[in-house]
Protein backbone atom coordinates (compact mmCIF):
# COMPACT_ATOMS: atom_id res chain seq x y z
CA UNK A 1 79.65 203.03 -10.28
CA UNK A 2 78.83 205.51 -13.33
CA UNK A 3 82.01 207.88 -12.63
CA UNK A 4 83.78 204.95 -11.66
CA UNK A 5 83.97 203.16 -14.53
CA UNK A 6 83.70 206.54 -16.60
CA UNK A 7 87.61 207.23 -14.99
CA UNK A 8 88.82 203.79 -15.23
CA UNK A 9 92.25 204.25 -17.32
CA UNK A 10 91.74 200.87 -18.62
CA UNK A 11 88.84 198.37 -18.70
CA UNK A 12 88.39 194.97 -19.69
CA UNK A 13 86.10 193.49 -21.50
CA UNK A 14 84.70 190.08 -22.02
CA UNK A 15 84.97 188.89 -26.03
CA UNK A 16 83.38 185.69 -27.20
CA UNK A 17 85.79 183.78 -29.20
CA UNK A 18 83.68 182.78 -31.74
CA UNK A 19 82.67 185.77 -32.70
CA UNK A 20 85.70 188.33 -32.21
CA UNK A 21 82.88 190.29 -30.49
CA UNK A 22 82.23 191.24 -26.97
CA UNK A 23 80.30 188.49 -25.31
CA UNK A 24 76.24 189.35 -25.31
CA UNK A 25 73.70 187.99 -23.41
CA UNK A 26 70.20 188.39 -22.60
CA UNK A 27 69.19 188.42 -18.67
CA UNK A 28 66.85 186.26 -18.26
CA UNK A 29 64.95 188.59 -15.73
CA UNK A 30 65.26 192.38 -17.00
CA UNK A 31 66.08 190.85 -20.98
CA UNK A 32 68.34 193.28 -21.14
CA UNK A 33 71.14 192.72 -23.85
CA UNK A 34 74.17 192.99 -22.00
CA UNK A 35 78.29 193.19 -21.99
CA UNK A 36 80.43 192.29 -18.86
CA UNK A 37 83.12 194.71 -18.36
CA UNK A 38 85.52 194.28 -15.13
CA UNK A 39 87.98 196.40 -13.41
CA UNK A 40 90.86 194.18 -12.89
CA UNK A 41 91.84 190.92 -14.76
CA UNK A 42 91.81 188.43 -11.74
CA UNK A 43 88.07 188.69 -11.73
CA UNK A 44 87.55 188.60 -15.63
CA UNK A 45 89.59 185.20 -15.71
CA UNK A 46 87.74 183.91 -13.32
CA UNK A 47 84.39 184.95 -14.95
CA UNK A 48 85.54 183.45 -18.01
CA UNK A 49 86.28 180.04 -16.31
CA UNK A 50 82.75 179.79 -14.87
CA UNK A 51 81.64 179.08 -18.46
CA UNK A 52 83.94 176.89 -19.75
CA UNK A 53 81.71 174.04 -18.52
CA UNK A 54 79.10 174.96 -20.77
CA UNK A 55 81.75 175.21 -24.10
CA UNK A 56 81.52 179.11 -23.85
CA UNK A 57 85.08 180.36 -24.65
CA UNK A 58 85.72 183.91 -23.64
CA UNK A 59 89.13 185.58 -23.45
CA UNK A 60 89.66 189.69 -21.69
CA UNK A 61 90.05 192.48 -23.99
CA UNK A 62 91.68 195.56 -22.50
CA UNK A 63 90.01 198.80 -23.93
CA UNK A 64 92.70 201.79 -22.95
CA UNK A 65 91.15 205.23 -21.87
CA UNK A 66 91.93 206.96 -25.15
CA UNK A 67 89.31 204.12 -26.93
CA UNK A 68 86.61 204.00 -23.96
CA UNK A 69 84.20 206.57 -25.62
CA UNK A 70 84.44 205.32 -28.88
CA UNK A 71 83.74 201.42 -27.81
CA UNK A 72 81.01 202.27 -25.21
CA UNK A 73 79.44 204.21 -28.82
CA UNK A 74 80.27 200.99 -30.79
CA UNK A 75 77.73 199.22 -28.39
CA UNK A 76 74.57 201.18 -30.06
CA UNK A 77 75.88 199.59 -33.28
CA UNK A 78 75.43 196.10 -31.92
CA UNK A 79 71.88 196.50 -30.21
CA UNK A 80 73.51 196.35 -26.51
CA UNK A 81 71.83 198.26 -23.93
CA UNK A 82 73.25 197.34 -20.45
CA UNK A 83 76.65 197.01 -19.45
CA UNK A 84 77.48 194.75 -16.24
CA UNK A 85 80.24 196.43 -14.40
CA UNK A 86 82.27 193.95 -12.14
CA UNK A 87 84.23 195.96 -9.46
CA UNK A 88 86.08 193.63 -7.05
CA UNK A 89 83.08 191.79 -5.39
CA UNK A 90 80.29 193.85 -6.59
CA UNK A 91 78.57 193.34 -9.89
CA UNK A 92 76.43 196.53 -10.95
CA UNK A 93 74.46 196.74 -14.22
CA UNK A 94 74.41 200.47 -16.01
CA UNK A 95 72.29 201.28 -18.79
CA UNK A 96 74.31 202.23 -21.57
CA UNK A 97 72.38 205.45 -22.10
CA UNK A 98 73.25 206.69 -18.55
CA UNK A 99 77.17 206.17 -19.42
CA UNK A 100 77.34 207.61 -23.22
CA UNK A 101 74.48 209.45 -25.23
CA UNK A 102 72.29 207.25 -27.83
CA UNK A 103 73.16 208.49 -31.83
CA UNK A 104 70.07 209.93 -33.30
CA UNK A 105 68.89 206.87 -35.18
CA UNK A 106 66.71 208.87 -36.81
CA UNK A 107 68.60 210.64 -38.92
CA UNK A 108 71.07 207.38 -39.62
CA UNK A 109 68.36 205.37 -40.67
CA UNK A 110 67.60 208.06 -43.27
CA UNK A 111 71.09 207.75 -45.04
CA UNK A 112 71.54 205.15 -47.55
CA UNK A 113 74.91 204.44 -46.13
CA UNK A 114 74.38 201.77 -43.51
CA UNK A 115 75.80 203.67 -40.49
CA UNK A 116 74.60 201.34 -38.01
CA UNK A 117 72.75 198.16 -38.28
CA UNK A 118 71.91 197.04 -34.67
CA UNK A 119 69.28 194.46 -35.02
CA UNK A 120 71.04 192.84 -37.34
CA UNK A 121 74.49 192.92 -35.53
CA UNK A 122 72.90 191.53 -32.34
CA UNK A 123 70.83 188.67 -33.91
CA UNK A 124 73.62 187.45 -35.87
CA UNK A 125 76.13 187.35 -32.31
CA UNK A 126 73.84 185.44 -30.39
CA UNK A 127 73.18 182.83 -33.36
CA UNK A 128 76.59 182.61 -33.91
CA UNK A 129 77.68 182.36 -30.34
CA UNK A 130 75.42 179.48 -30.21
CA UNK A 131 76.16 177.75 -33.19
CA UNK A 132 79.95 177.88 -32.56
CA UNK A 133 79.89 176.27 -29.33
CA UNK A 134 81.03 172.78 -29.49
CA UNK A 135 78.12 170.99 -28.33
CA UNK A 136 74.97 169.08 -28.94
CA UNK A 137 72.39 172.20 -29.23
CA UNK A 138 68.85 172.59 -28.73
CA UNK A 139 67.69 172.58 -32.54
CA UNK A 140 64.43 174.46 -32.19
CA UNK A 141 65.85 177.14 -30.10
CA UNK A 142 68.77 177.66 -33.06
CA UNK A 143 66.38 177.46 -35.61
CA UNK A 144 64.15 180.27 -33.85
CA UNK A 145 67.42 182.55 -33.82
CA UNK A 146 68.52 181.30 -37.38
CA UNK A 147 65.47 182.78 -38.46
CA UNK A 148 65.35 185.80 -36.44
CA UNK A 149 68.95 186.25 -37.71
CA UNK A 150 67.53 185.68 -41.87
CA UNK A 151 65.09 188.17 -41.34
CA UNK A 152 67.22 190.88 -40.20
CA UNK A 153 69.83 189.72 -42.78
CA UNK A 154 66.71 190.09 -45.51
CA UNK A 155 65.76 193.86 -43.95
CA UNK A 156 69.18 195.32 -44.03
CA UNK A 157 71.38 197.20 -46.34
CA UNK A 158 74.90 196.44 -46.79
CA UNK A 159 77.80 198.16 -47.69
CA UNK A 160 80.62 196.65 -50.24
CA UNK A 161 83.83 198.29 -50.79
CA UNK A 162 85.24 198.87 -54.70
CA UNK A 163 89.19 199.99 -55.30
CA UNK A 164 88.94 202.41 -57.74
CA UNK A 165 92.49 202.95 -59.68
CA UNK A 166 92.58 205.50 -62.48
CA UNK A 167 96.26 205.26 -64.28
CA UNK A 168 97.80 208.03 -66.11
CA UNK A 169 96.55 208.50 -69.60
CA UNK A 170 93.27 206.38 -68.72
CA UNK A 171 90.10 207.92 -69.41
CA UNK A 172 88.16 205.96 -66.95
CA UNK A 173 88.79 204.40 -63.45
CA UNK A 174 88.88 200.89 -63.10
CA UNK A 175 86.79 199.06 -60.42
CA UNK A 176 87.79 196.06 -58.56
CA UNK A 177 85.99 194.30 -56.32
CA UNK A 178 88.05 192.65 -53.50
CA UNK A 179 87.71 189.36 -52.27
CA UNK A 180 89.45 187.12 -49.52
CA UNK A 181 89.63 183.07 -49.25
CA UNK A 182 88.54 181.13 -46.60
CA UNK A 183 90.52 177.94 -44.93
CA UNK A 184 89.45 175.86 -47.78
CA UNK A 185 90.58 178.63 -50.75
CA UNK A 186 87.20 179.40 -51.34
CA UNK A 187 86.64 182.89 -52.87
CA UNK A 188 84.43 185.08 -50.98
CA UNK A 189 83.31 188.79 -51.44
CA UNK A 190 83.48 190.94 -48.05
CA UNK A 191 80.16 192.81 -47.24
CA UNK A 192 79.56 194.82 -44.21
CA UNK A 193 76.67 195.64 -41.53
CA UNK A 194 78.08 198.86 -40.73
CA UNK A 195 80.90 201.42 -41.14
CA UNK A 196 82.31 200.73 -38.01
CA UNK A 197 82.73 197.07 -39.38
CA UNK A 198 84.05 197.89 -43.20
CA UNK A 199 86.84 199.97 -41.46
CA UNK A 200 87.81 197.21 -39.06
CA UNK A 201 88.61 195.65 -42.01
CA UNK A 202 90.04 197.64 -44.72
CA UNK A 203 91.91 199.82 -41.81
CA UNK A 204 93.77 202.93 -43.83
CA UNK A 205 92.64 201.23 -47.25
CA UNK A 206 88.90 202.38 -46.08
CA UNK A 207 89.78 206.07 -47.00
CA UNK A 208 90.75 205.24 -50.71
CA UNK A 209 87.46 203.15 -51.50
CA UNK A 210 84.04 204.00 -52.84
CA UNK A 211 81.17 202.73 -50.85
CA UNK A 212 78.36 200.76 -52.55
CA UNK A 213 74.95 200.30 -50.33
CA UNK A 214 73.32 197.19 -51.23
CA UNK A 215 70.65 195.13 -50.59
CA UNK A 216 70.18 191.41 -50.13
CA UNK A 217 68.68 191.69 -53.66
CA UNK A 218 71.19 193.35 -55.67
CA UNK A 219 74.31 191.18 -54.29
CA UNK A 220 73.81 188.49 -57.28
CA UNK A 221 74.73 191.49 -59.55
CA UNK A 222 78.34 191.72 -57.77
CA UNK A 223 79.20 188.73 -57.89
CA UNK A 224 83.19 187.96 -59.48
CA UNK A 225 83.76 184.99 -61.70
CA UNK A 226 84.42 181.68 -59.22
CA UNK A 227 83.46 183.80 -56.00
CA UNK A 228 81.15 180.86 -53.72
CA UNK A 229 79.14 184.21 -52.30
CA UNK A 230 79.66 186.65 -49.67
CA UNK A 231 81.27 187.01 -46.06
CA UNK A 232 79.86 189.24 -43.59
CA UNK A 233 81.81 190.87 -41.15
CA UNK A 234 84.95 189.16 -41.90
CA UNK A 235 87.22 190.81 -39.31
CA UNK A 236 84.24 190.46 -36.65
CA UNK A 237 81.72 187.41 -36.21
CA UNK A 238 82.69 186.29 -39.79
CA UNK A 239 79.68 184.73 -41.52
CA UNK A 240 80.03 183.07 -45.02
CA UNK A 241 76.82 183.58 -47.17
CA UNK A 242 76.61 181.20 -50.07
CA UNK A 243 74.84 182.09 -53.31
CA UNK A 244 72.27 179.69 -52.62
CA UNK A 245 71.53 180.87 -48.79
CA UNK A 246 71.13 184.23 -50.80
CA UNK A 247 68.58 183.29 -53.07
CA UNK A 248 66.98 181.63 -50.58
CA UNK A 249 66.27 184.00 -48.40
CA UNK A 250 65.83 186.56 -51.13
CA UNK A 251 62.72 184.57 -52.24
CA UNK A 252 61.36 184.09 -48.66
CA UNK A 253 61.92 187.07 -47.42
CA UNK A 254 60.81 189.62 -50.34
CA UNK A 255 58.52 191.86 -48.43
CA UNK A 256 61.26 192.47 -46.29
CA UNK A 257 64.09 193.57 -48.40
CA UNK A 258 64.35 197.18 -49.05
CA UNK A 259 63.50 199.34 -52.04
CA UNK A 260 66.78 199.73 -54.20
């Protein structure tokens, strides 16, 4: 089954419509953090329908063969460790490390630029998948999920992109901090959990930008006029963080925030 999945010309992945990321769930027996991959479109449609009663909205996303390796590699960056492979009527659990070699996290963690931030990505995905589900939530469960995510936010370093401009005749470079607007026209500044999310948002423009690795405590120094705060991974799960929320997390979880 591993070889069959590796040979697929095109695989289909169940994505959450609440996060625009692969749908992640924790297996009740093995405690694997897993995603679901399908060999044909009919089965993924049946799978998505089975979640509608619980107001969980899923969609099938095609991953062509030339993008398969990079997609499987990206699963390490969101903390996934298993793939449920649906082939016809059979479902096979495959450990991610059996599909593709795990990156060297020890060396990655030494980097100032957060190339990966799997704990933050995973806890945020679980929280947002539940938060945006239009149901009456178990408030205790939701609070526990939120607190785990908040602790990961406090422990993380983020990427902020800076646009650099130097016109002919100027002695110094001009630095511009990009921003986005939400549906209510509020100004928010993009920050990213890792380099893959940074590239996803800025695309080709990313190559010309400077990267600023920042802890949560450093973010307030980069607030621009009229900004309401920041938005984490705007092209992914799109989590707004207001100035008040950042100050609250900084005050209550100072012991977790990395040194500058």
